[in-house]
C-alpha atoms as a PDB file:
ATOM      1  CA  MET A   1      -0.085  -0.550  -0.063  1.00  0.00           C
ATOM      2  CA  GLN A   2       3.040   1.992   1.298  1.00  0.00           C
ATOM      3  CA  ASN A   3       4.473   1.587  -2.927  1.00  0.00           C
ATOM      4  CA  MET A   4       1.033   2.619  -3.863  1.00  0.00           C
ATOM      5  CA  ILE A   5       1.008   5.978  -2.027  1.00  0.00           C
ATOM      6  CA  ARG A   6       4.368   6.499  -3.160  1.00  0.00           C
ATOM      7  CA  GLU A   7       4.465   5.864  -6.958  1.00  0.00           C
ATOM      8  CA  ILE A   8       1.317   7.956  -7.192  1.00  0.00           C
ATOM      9  CA  VAL A   9       3.399  11.304  -5.137  1.00  0.00           C
ATOM     10  CA  ASP A  10       6.107  10.146  -7.879  1.00  0.00           C
ATOM     11  CA  MET A  11       3.463   9.738 -10.723  1.00  0.00           C
ATOM     12  CA  ASP A  12       1.895  13.840  -8.780  1.00  0.00           C
ATOM     13  CA  ARG A  13       5.697  14.825  -9.276  1.00  0.00           C
ATOM     14  CA  LYS A  14       7.062  13.834 -12.967  1.00  0.00           C
ATOM     15  CA  ALA A  15       2.868  15.655 -13.315  1.00  0.00           C
ATOM     16  CA  ARG A  16       3.851  18.945 -11.968  1.00  0.00           C
ATOM     17  CA  GLU A  17       6.848  19.047 -13.290  1.00  0.00           C
ATOM     18  CA  ILE A  18       6.323  18.600 -16.711  1.00  0.00           C
ATOM     19  CA  THR A  19       3.546  20.913 -16.622  1.00  0.00           C
ATOM     20  CA  ASP A  20       5.833  23.635 -15.440  1.00  0.00           C
ATOM     21  CA  ALA A  21       8.390  22.846 -18.186  1.00  0.00           C
ATOM     22  CA  ALA A  22       5.641  22.769 -20.532  1.00  0.00           C
ATOM     23  CA  GLN A  23       4.202  26.270 -18.805  1.00  0.00           C
ATOM     24  CA  GLN A  24       8.090  27.320 -19.012  1.00  0.00           C
ATOM     25  CA  GLU A  25       8.746  26.320 -22.434  1.00  0.00           C
ATOM     26  CA  LYS A  26       4.440  28.212 -23.135  1.00  0.00           C
ATOM     27  CA  LEU A  27       6.967  31.862 -21.543  1.00  0.00           C
ATOM     28  CA  HIS A  28      10.236  31.597 -23.707  1.00  0.00           C
ATOM     29  CA  SER A  29       8.220  31.200 -26.974  1.00  0.00           C
ATOM     30  CA  GLU A  30       6.173  34.102 -26.495  1.00  0.00           C
ATOM     31  CA  LYS A  31       8.456  35.665 -25.366  1.00  0.00           C
ATOM     32  CA  GLU A  32      10.730  34.747 -28.425  1.00  0.00           C
ATOM     33  CA  VAL A  33       7.884  36.073 -31.013  1.00  0.00           C
ATOM     34  CA  ALA A  34       7.447  38.537 -29.639  1.00  0.00           C
ATOM     35  CA  GLU A  35      10.915  40.170 -29.589  1.00  0.00           C
ATOM     36  CA  LYS A  36      11.280  38.318 -33.322  1.00  0.00           C
ATOM     37  CA  ARG A  37       8.003  40.688 -33.865  1.00  0.00           C
ATOM     38  CA  GLU A  38       9.540  43.216 -33.121  1.00  0.00           C
ATOM     39  CA  GLN A  39      12.773  42.936 -35.181  1.00  0.00           C
ATOM     40  CA  ILE A  40      10.970  42.297 -38.520  1.00  0.00           C
ATOM     41  CA  ARG A  41       9.265  45.434 -37.306  1.00  0.00           C
ATOM     42  CA  GLU A  42      12.515  47.375 -37.550  1.00  0.00           C
ATOM     43  CA  GLU A  43      14.220  45.900 -40.441  1.00  0.00           C
ATOM     44  CA  TYR A  44      11.050  46.990 -42.273  1.00  0.00           C
ATOM     45  CA  LEU A  45      11.029  50.674 -41.128  1.00  0.00           C
ATOM     46  CA  LYS A  46      14.097  50.412 -41.738  1.00  0.00           C
ATOM     47  CA  LYS A  47      14.230  49.376 -45.255  1.00  0.00           C
ATOM     48  CA  ALA A  48      10.986  52.262 -45.346  1.00  0.00           C
ATOM     49  CA  ARG A  49      12.983  54.970 -44.639  1.00  0.00           C
ATOM     50  CA  GLU A  50      15.700  53.516 -46.932  1.00  0.00           C
ATOM     51  CA  ARG A  51      13.539  53.945 -49.765  1.00  0.00           C
ATOM     52  CA  ILE A  52      12.164  57.308 -48.550  1.00  0.00           C
ATOM     53  CA  ALA A  53      15.248  58.821 -48.376  1.00  0.00           C
ATOM     54  CA  LEU A  54      16.279  57.058 -51.871  1.00  0.00           C
ATOM     55  CA  ASN A  55      13.092  58.230 -53.689  1.00  0.00           C
ATOM     56  CA  GLU A  56      13.280  62.017 -52.174  1.00  0.00           C
ATOM     57  CA  PRO A  57      15.597  63.222 -54.712  1.00  0.00           C
ATOM     58  CA  GLN A  58      13.075  62.204 -57.300  1.00  0.00           C
ATOM     59  CA  GLU A  59       9.785  63.207 -55.287  1.00  0.00           C
ATOM     60  CA  ARG A  60      11.885  66.499 -55.069  1.00  0.00           C
ATOM     61  CA  GLU A  61      12.457  66.870 -58.893  1.00  0.00           C
ATOM     62  CA  ALA A  62       8.592  65.327 -60.139  1.00  0.00           C
ATOM     63  CA  ALA A  63       7.362  68.381 -57.502  1.00  0.00           C
ATOM     64  CA  GLU A  64       9.304  70.863 -58.991  1.00  0.00           C
ATOM     65  CA  LYS A  65       8.725  70.832 -62.806  1.00  0.00           C
ATOM     66  CA  VAL A  66       5.201  70.221 -61.500  1.00  0.00           C
ATOM     67  CA  TRP A  67       5.637  73.405 -59.391  1.00  0.00           C
ATOM     68  CA  GLN A  68       7.248  75.105 -62.301  1.00  0.00           C
ATOM     69  CA  THR A  69       4.550  73.743 -64.626  1.00  0.00           C
ATOM     70  CA  VAL A  70       2.017  75.951 -62.544  1.00  0.00           C
ATOM     71  CA  GLN A  71       3.527  78.999 -61.699  1.00  0.00           C
ATOM     72  CA  ALA A  72       4.463  78.954 -65.737  1.00  0.00           C
ATOM     73  CA  ARG A  73       0.380  78.663 -65.848  1.00  0.00           C
ATOM     74  CA  GLN A  74       0.368  81.217 -63.443  1.00  0.00           C
ATOM     75  CA  SER A  75       2.066  83.855 -64.788  1.00  0.00           C
ATOM     76  CA  GLU A  76       0.698  83.282 -68.274  1.00  0.00           C
ATOM     77  CA  ILE A  77      -2.673  83.680 -67.086  1.00  0.00           C
ATOM     78  CA  SER A  78      -1.764  86.993 -64.977  1.00  0.00           C
ATOM     79  CA  ALA A  79      -0.034  88.610 -67.882  1.00  0.00           C
ATOM     80  CA  LYS A  80      -3.330  88.214 -70.105  1.00  0.00           C
ATOM     81  CA  LEU A  81      -5.849  89.810 -67.318  1.00  0.00           C
ATOM     82  CA  ASP A  82      -3.319  92.131 -66.895  1.00  0.00           C
ATOM     83  CA  ALA A  83      -3.956  92.877 -71.013  1.00  0.00           C
ATOM     84  CA  GLN A  84      -7.791  92.410 -70.606  1.00  0.00           C
ATOM     85  CA  PHE A  85      -7.089  95.108 -68.353  1.00  0.00           C
ATOM     86  CA  ALA A  86      -4.593  97.908 -70.038  1.00  0.00           C
ATOM     87  CA  GLU A  87      -6.835  97.089 -73.177  1.00  0.00           C
ATOM     88  CA  ASN A  88     -10.310  97.516 -70.887  1.00  0.00           C
ATOM     89  CA  GLY A  89      -9.912  98.812 -67.841  1.00  0.00           C
ATOM     90  CA  GLU A  90     -11.581 102.503 -68.393  1.00  0.00           C
ATOM     91  CA  ARG A  91     -15.152 101.004 -69.876  1.00  0.00           C
ATOM     92  CA  TRP A  92     -14.944  98.562 -67.734  1.00  0.00           C
ATOM     93  CA  ALA A  93     -14.930 100.811 -64.730  1.00  0.00           C
ATOM     94  CA  ALA A  94     -17.684 103.099 -66.609  1.00  0.00           C
ATOM     95  CA  GLU A  95     -19.679 101.090 -67.086  1.00  0.00           C
ATOM     96  CA  LEU A  96     -19.541  99.340 -63.875  1.00  0.00           C
ATOM     97  CA  ALA A  97     -20.359 102.983 -62.148  1.00  0.00           C
ATOM     98  CA  ARG A  98     -22.994 103.753 -64.519  1.00  0.00           C
ATOM     99  CA  ARG A  99     -24.961 100.821 -63.595  1.00  0.00           C
ATOM    100  CA  VAL A 100     -24.269 101.890 -60.193  1.00  0.00           C
ATOM    101  CA  LEU A 101     -25.408 104.914 -60.379  1.00  0.00           C
ATOM    102  CA  GLU A 102     -28.327 104.036 -62.650  1.00  0.00           C
ATOM    103  CA  GLY A 103     -29.347 101.151 -60.032  1.00  0.00           C
END
């Protein structure tokens, strides 16, 4: 009878040791997964920053070309408006004054 009790106690102790070992392995695995996830995230961010730095000059140049095109178009429109005002300004002012005064 004593042998059976001792065997049961030994089996229980071994089962607890196995459970504890499994729990420790689970915690260790979770820690490894978290570390690997952080490592992958850092590598991804590093590569993204490198791509941004590599593409920045081309993007800046393209934006500058677009800006120059817009500036040229705005200058052209401004020149046309100035020319129209120089040609018709007095007539427009007289017409506005007439309409305001006549109601």
